C-alpha atoms as a PDB file:
ATOM      1  CA  MET A   1      18.003   3.007   9.750  1.00  0.00           C
ATOM      2  CA  THR A   2      15.784   3.591   6.841  1.00  0.00           C
ATOM      3  CA  LYS A   3      13.073   6.141   6.787  1.00  0.00           C
ATOM      4  CA  TRP A   4      10.042   5.344   5.348  1.00  0.00           C
ATOM      5  CA  ASN A   5       7.107   7.906   4.527  1.00  0.00           C
ATOM      6  CA  VAL A   6       3.435   6.982   4.195  1.00  0.00           C
ATOM      7  CA  ASP A   7       2.207   7.508   0.909  1.00  0.00           C
ATOM      8  CA  ALA A   8      -1.376   9.009   1.211  1.00  0.00           C
ATOM      9  CA  ALA A   9      -2.388   8.320  -1.856  1.00  0.00           C
ATOM     10  CA  HIS A  10      -2.240   4.828  -1.331  1.00  0.00           C
ATOM     11  CA  SER A  11      -3.423   4.832   2.184  1.00  0.00           C
ATOM     12  CA  ASN A  12      -6.428   4.691   4.191  1.00  0.00           C
ATOM     13  CA  VAL A  13      -7.574   5.609   7.793  1.00  0.00           C
ATOM     14  CA  GLY A  14     -10.900   4.192   8.140  1.00  0.00           C
ATOM     15  CA  PHE A  15     -13.579   3.862  11.052  1.00  0.00           C
ATOM     16  CA  SER A  16     -16.857   2.476  11.746  1.00  0.00           C
ATOM     17  CA  VAL A  17     -19.592   2.999  14.818  1.00  0.00           C
ATOM     18  CA  ARG A  18     -22.807   1.829  15.769  1.00  0.00           C
ATOM     19  CA  HIS A  19     -25.792   4.453  14.663  1.00  0.00           C
ATOM     20  CA  MET A  20     -28.854   3.592  16.653  1.00  0.00           C
ATOM     21  CA  MET A  21     -27.772   0.213  18.044  1.00  0.00           C
ATOM     22  CA  VAL A  22     -28.765  -1.307  14.671  1.00  0.00           C
ATOM     23  CA  SER A  23     -26.185  -0.325  12.242  1.00  0.00           C
ATOM     24  CA  ASN A  24     -22.888   0.722  11.493  1.00  0.00           C
ATOM     25  CA  VAL A  25     -21.736   4.230  10.196  1.00  0.00           C
ATOM     26  CA  ARG A  26     -18.410   3.995   8.461  1.00  0.00           C
ATOM     27  CA  GLY A  27     -16.043   6.808   7.544  1.00  0.00           C
ATOM     28  CA  SER A  28     -12.353   7.593   6.954  1.00  0.00           C
ATOM     29  CA  PHE A  29      -9.833  10.636   7.105  1.00  0.00           C
ATOM     30  CA  THR A  30      -8.090  11.377   3.939  1.00  0.00           C
ATOM     31  CA  GLY A  31      -5.547  13.623   5.563  1.00  0.00           C
ATOM     32  CA  ILE A  32      -2.469  11.120   6.718  1.00  0.00           C
ATOM     33  CA  GLU A  33       1.289  11.714   7.018  1.00  0.00           C
ATOM     34  CA  GLY A  34       3.555   9.505   9.046  1.00  0.00           C
ATOM     35  CA  SER A  35       6.524   7.798   8.989  1.00  0.00           C
ATOM     36  CA  VAL A  36       8.118   4.045   9.827  1.00  0.00           C
ATOM     37  CA  THR A  37      12.121   4.292  10.750  1.00  0.00           C
ATOM     38  CA  GLY A  38      13.823   1.257  10.763  1.00  0.00           C
ATOM     39  CA  ASP A  39      13.867  -2.076   8.947  1.00  0.00           C
ATOM     40  CA  LEU A  40      10.714  -3.351   7.505  1.00  0.00           C
ATOM     41  CA  ASP A  41      11.490  -6.960   7.490  1.00  0.00           C
ATOM     42  CA  ASN A  42      11.637  -6.923  11.430  1.00  0.00           C
ATOM     43  CA  LEU A  43       9.298  -4.131  12.909  1.00  0.00           C
ATOM     44  CA  THR A  44      10.785  -4.769  16.450  1.00  0.00           C
ATOM     45  CA  ASP A  45      13.498  -2.066  16.671  1.00  0.00           C
ATOM     46  CA  ALA A  46      11.111   0.290  14.365  1.00  0.00           C
ATOM     47  CA  LYS A  47       9.867   3.872  15.122  1.00  0.00           C
ATOM     48  CA  ILE A  48       6.207   4.513  13.800  1.00  0.00           C
ATOM     49  CA  HIS A  49       4.652   7.898  13.612  1.00  0.00           C
ATOM     50  CA  PHE A  50       1.163   9.332  12.332  1.00  0.00           C
ATOM     51  CA  GLU A  51      -0.574  11.881  12.090  1.00  0.00           C
ATOM     52  CA  ILE A  52      -4.239  12.580  11.128  1.00  0.00           C
ATOM     53  CA  ASP A  53      -6.042  15.803   9.874  1.00  0.00           C
ATOM     54  CA  VAL A  54      -9.156  15.419  11.449  1.00  0.00           C
ATOM     55  CA  ASN A  55     -10.579  17.838   9.447  1.00  0.00           C
ATOM     56  CA  THR A  56     -10.598  15.676   6.237  1.00  0.00           C
ATOM     57  CA  ILE A  57     -12.993  13.394   8.266  1.00  0.00           C
ATOM     58  CA  ASN A  58     -15.660  11.856   5.525  1.00  0.00           C
ATOM     59  CA  THR A  59     -18.545   9.719   6.483  1.00  0.00           C
ATOM     60  CA  HIS A  60     -20.008  10.989   3.038  1.00  0.00           C
ATOM     61  CA  ASN A  61     -22.935  12.819   4.860  1.00  0.00           C
ATOM     62  CA  GLU A  62     -21.640  16.945   5.019  1.00  0.00           C
ATOM     63  CA  ASP A  63     -23.660  17.259   8.072  1.00  0.00           C
ATOM     64  CA  ARG A  64     -22.638  14.730  10.016  1.00  0.00           C
ATOM     65  CA  ASP A  65     -19.013  15.454   8.957  1.00  0.00           C
ATOM     66  CA  ASN A  66     -19.480  19.190  10.244  1.00  0.00           C
ATOM     67  CA  HIS A  67     -21.077  17.785  13.465  1.00  0.00           C
ATOM     68  CA  LEU A  68     -17.978  15.324  13.932  1.00  0.00           C
ATOM     69  CA  ARG A  69     -15.485  18.502  13.221  1.00  0.00           C
ATOM     70  CA  SER A  70     -17.648  20.278  16.299  1.00  0.00           C
ATOM     71  CA  ALA A  71     -16.772  20.978  19.662  1.00  0.00           C
ATOM     72  CA  ASP A  72     -19.504  17.797  20.306  1.00  0.00           C
ATOM     73  CA  PHE A  73     -16.809  15.820  19.130  1.00  0.00           C
ATOM     74  CA  PHE A  74     -13.168  16.405  17.367  1.00  0.00           C
ATOM     75  CA  ASP A  75     -13.112  20.263  18.419  1.00  0.00           C
ATOM     76  CA  VAL A  76     -10.880  20.379  15.378  1.00  0.00           C
ATOM     77  CA  GLU A  77     -10.380  24.259  15.762  1.00  0.00           C
ATOM     78  CA  GLN A  78      -8.657  23.193  19.116  1.00  0.00           C
ATOM     79  CA  TYR A  79      -7.021  19.650  18.172  1.00  0.00           C
ATOM     80  CA  PRO A  80      -6.556  19.474  14.506  1.00  0.00           C
ATOM     81  CA  HIS A  81      -4.804  16.312  14.476  1.00  0.00           C
ATOM     82  CA  ILE A  82      -4.891  12.735  15.726  1.00  0.00           C
ATOM     83  CA  THR A  83      -1.176  11.483  16.207  1.00  0.00           C
ATOM     84  CA  PHE A  84       0.175   8.005  16.918  1.00  0.00           C
ATOM     85  CA  ASN A  85       3.849   7.217  18.434  1.00  0.00           C
ATOM     86  CA  SER A  86       4.962   3.811  18.808  1.00  0.00           C
ATOM     87  CA  THR A  87       6.888   2.837  22.141  1.00  0.00           C
ATOM     88  CA  GLU A  88       7.128  -1.041  21.910  1.00  0.00           C
ATOM     89  CA  ILE A  89       6.584  -3.300  19.007  1.00  0.00           C
ATOM     90  CA  VAL A  90       6.514  -7.018  19.316  1.00  0.00           C
ATOM     91  CA  LYS A  91       6.606  -9.624  16.901  1.00  0.00           C
ATOM     92  CA  THR A  92       3.557 -12.103  17.161  1.00  0.00           C
ATOM     93  CA  GLY A  93       4.017 -14.120  13.991  1.00  0.00           C
ATOM     94  CA  GLU A  94       5.034 -14.097  10.616  1.00  0.00           C
ATOM     95  CA  ASP A  95       5.035 -10.427   9.155  1.00  0.00           C
ATOM     96  CA  GLU A  96       2.474  -9.943  12.527  1.00  0.00           C
ATOM     97  CA  TYR A  97       3.365  -7.559  15.120  1.00  0.00           C
ATOM     98  CA  ASP A  98       1.846  -5.707  18.512  1.00  0.00           C
ATOM     99  CA  VAL A  99       2.366  -2.164  17.730  1.00  0.00           C
ATOM    100  CA  THR A 100       1.815  -0.172  21.155  1.00  0.00           C
ATOM    101  CA  GLY A 101       2.183   3.747  21.343  1.00  0.00           C
ATOM    102  CA  ASP A 102       0.579   6.810  22.397  1.00  0.00           C
ATOM    103  CA  LEU A 103      -2.652   7.165  20.417  1.00  0.00           C
ATOM    104  CA  LYS A 104      -3.716  11.347  21.095  1.00  0.00           C
ATOM    105  CA  VAL A 105      -7.257  12.080  20.166  1.00  0.00           C
ATOM    106  CA  LYS A 106      -8.134  15.654  21.458  1.00  0.00           C
ATOM    107  CA  ASP A 107      -5.831  16.291  24.501  1.00  0.00           C
ATOM    108  CA  ILE A 108      -5.954  12.807  25.600  1.00  0.00           C
ATOM    109  CA  SER A 109      -3.375  10.285  24.920  1.00  0.00           C
ATOM    110  CA  LYS A 110      -3.762   6.704  25.779  1.00  0.00           C
ATOM    111  CA  ASN A 111      -0.986   3.687  25.603  1.00  0.00           C
ATOM    112  CA  THR A 112      -2.832   1.393  23.044  1.00  0.00           C
ATOM    113  CA  THR A 113      -2.069  -1.958  20.769  1.00  0.00           C
ATOM    114  CA  PHE A 114      -2.721  -2.148  17.497  1.00  0.00           C
ATOM    115  CA  ASN A 115      -2.451  -5.659  15.578  1.00  0.00           C
ATOM    116  CA  VAL A 116      -0.265  -4.791  12.488  1.00  0.00           C
ATOM    117  CA  THR A 117       0.545  -7.022   9.597  1.00  0.00           C
ATOM    118  CA  ARG A 118       2.814  -6.517   7.068  1.00  0.00           C
ATOM    119  CA  THR A 119       0.974  -7.202   3.800  1.00  0.00           C
ATOM    120  CA  GLY A 120       3.740  -7.019   1.096  1.00  0.00           C
ATOM    121  CA  ALA A 121       6.376  -5.189  -0.644  1.00  0.00           C
ATOM    122  CA  GLY A 122       7.422  -4.595  -3.932  1.00  0.00           C
ATOM    123  CA  LYS A 123       8.579  -1.961  -6.634  1.00  0.00           C
ATOM    124  CA  ASN A 124       6.137   0.642  -8.327  1.00  0.00           C
ATOM    125  CA  PRO A 125       6.013   1.469 -11.981  1.00  0.00           C
ATOM    126  CA  TRP A 126       8.762   4.112 -11.091  1.00  0.00           C
ATOM    127  CA  GLY A 127      11.248   2.019  -9.365  1.00  0.00           C
ATOM    128  CA  VAL A 128      10.406   2.690  -5.928  1.00  0.00           C
ATOM    129  CA  ASP A 129      10.395   0.387  -3.105  1.00  0.00           C
ATOM    130  CA  VAL A 130       6.865   0.173  -1.332  1.00  0.00           C
ATOM    131  CA  VAL A 131       5.837  -1.693   1.703  1.00  0.00           C
ATOM    132  CA  GLY A 132       2.482  -2.182   2.662  1.00  0.00           C
ATOM    133  CA  PHE A 133       0.538  -3.026   6.019  1.00  0.00           C
ATOM    134  CA  GLU A 134      -2.875  -3.285   7.585  1.00  0.00           C
ATOM    135  CA  ALA A 135      -3.829  -2.807  11.227  1.00  0.00           C
ATOM    136  CA  GLY A 136      -6.720  -2.808  13.354  1.00  0.00           C
ATOM    137  CA  ILE A 137      -8.042  -1.853  16.720  1.00  0.00           C
ATOM    138  CA  LYS A 138     -11.167  -1.365  18.529  1.00  0.00           C
ATOM    139  CA  ILE A 139     -11.094   1.562  21.218  1.00  0.00           C
ATOM    140  CA  SER A 140     -13.852   3.586  23.197  1.00  0.00           C
ATOM    141  CA  ARG A 141     -14.863   6.698  21.929  1.00  0.00           C
ATOM    142  CA  LYS A 142     -15.489   8.121  25.581  1.00  0.00           C
ATOM    143  CA  GLU A 143     -11.974   7.559  26.799  1.00  0.00           C
ATOM    144  CA  TYR A 144     -10.985   9.609  24.459  1.00  0.00           C
ATOM    145  CA  GLY A 145     -13.492  12.547  25.223  1.00  0.00           C
ATOM    146  CA  LEU A 146     -15.627  11.836  22.321  1.00  0.00           C
ATOM    147  CA  THR A 147     -18.656  11.728  24.793  1.00  0.00           C
ATOM    148  CA  TRP A 148     -21.811  13.261  22.997  1.00  0.00           C
ATOM    149  CA  ASN A 149     -24.973  11.401  22.184  1.00  0.00           C
ATOM    150  CA  GLN A 150     -28.219  11.231  22.371  1.00  0.00           C
ATOM    151  CA  ALA A 151     -30.886   8.804  23.965  1.00  0.00           C
ATOM    152  CA  LEU A 152     -33.232   7.239  21.832  1.00  0.00           C
ATOM    153  CA  GLU A 153     -37.126   6.966  22.646  1.00  0.00           C
ATOM    154  CA  THR A 154     -37.126   3.152  22.053  1.00  0.00           C
ATOM    155  CA  GLY A 155     -33.609   2.990  24.411  1.00  0.00           C
ATOM    156  CA  GLY A 156     -30.162   2.840  23.629  1.00  0.00           C
ATOM    157  CA  VAL A 157     -28.124   5.700  22.025  1.00  0.00           C
ATOM    158  CA  LEU A 158     -27.738   7.271  19.061  1.00  0.00           C
ATOM    159  CA  VAL A 159     -23.685   6.415  18.645  1.00  0.00           C
ATOM    160  CA  GLY A 160     -22.201   3.319  20.247  1.00  0.00           C
ATOM    161  CA  ASP A 161     -19.101   3.646  22.273  1.00  0.00           C
ATOM    162  CA  ASP A 162     -16.577   1.320  20.461  1.00  0.00           C
ATOM    163  CA  ILE A 163     -14.906   2.622  17.389  1.00  0.00           C
ATOM    164  CA  LYS A 164     -13.357   0.246  14.981  1.00  0.00           C
ATOM    165  CA  ILE A 165     -10.259   1.326  13.303  1.00  0.00           C
ATOM    166  CA  THR A 166      -8.530  -0.080  10.284  1.00  0.00           C
ATOM    167  CA  VAL A 167      -5.141   1.151   8.849  1.00  0.00           C
ATOM    168  CA  GLU A 168      -3.930   0.519   5.512  1.00  0.00           C
ATOM    169  CA  LEU A 169      -0.575   2.065   4.790  1.00  0.00           C
ATOM    170  CA  GLN A 170       1.691   1.906   2.050  1.00  0.00           C
ATOM    171  CA  VAL A 171       5.298   3.510   2.967  1.00  0.00           C
ATOM    172  CA  ASN A 172       8.097   4.415   0.284  1.00  0.00           C
ATOM    173  CA  PRO A 173      11.548   5.206   1.280  1.00  0.00           C
ATOM    174  CA  GLU A 174      12.401   8.529   2.194  1.00  0.00           C
END
């Protein structure tokens, strides 16, 4: 089996969440490592692992990023990483898969399924094989212990519960 490593320079983990019930705040994590071990033409027998350095969160607002790193949210001093390890991969269409695995945020691990699409393959200018994937999911932040919030005078809350996560990965053989 071939092991393919995440190329962090050409990968992105992004998220969005409702702010004040009227708009979305978007952000990303720049520190990502991981691997896909197996046949990338048919992921059903592959093993996928990735790890995100939570300290690299970026919402383009330093005060907000520092608050997200604090014990109110991710508590990066105690829980510096978000991890995912696949447990089952089911082919759902041409180059499309449901990738189920354990997503761990803080000290809470939940069985979660990402919808994954293989977006292409080729060789980079240095002759190295590359393969791309996109994945998406919506999760409840409260289910992962991210419960801080603030009620608004006009009704509703400052931070929505649903988090939309998008992952764009490029992998290279080890």
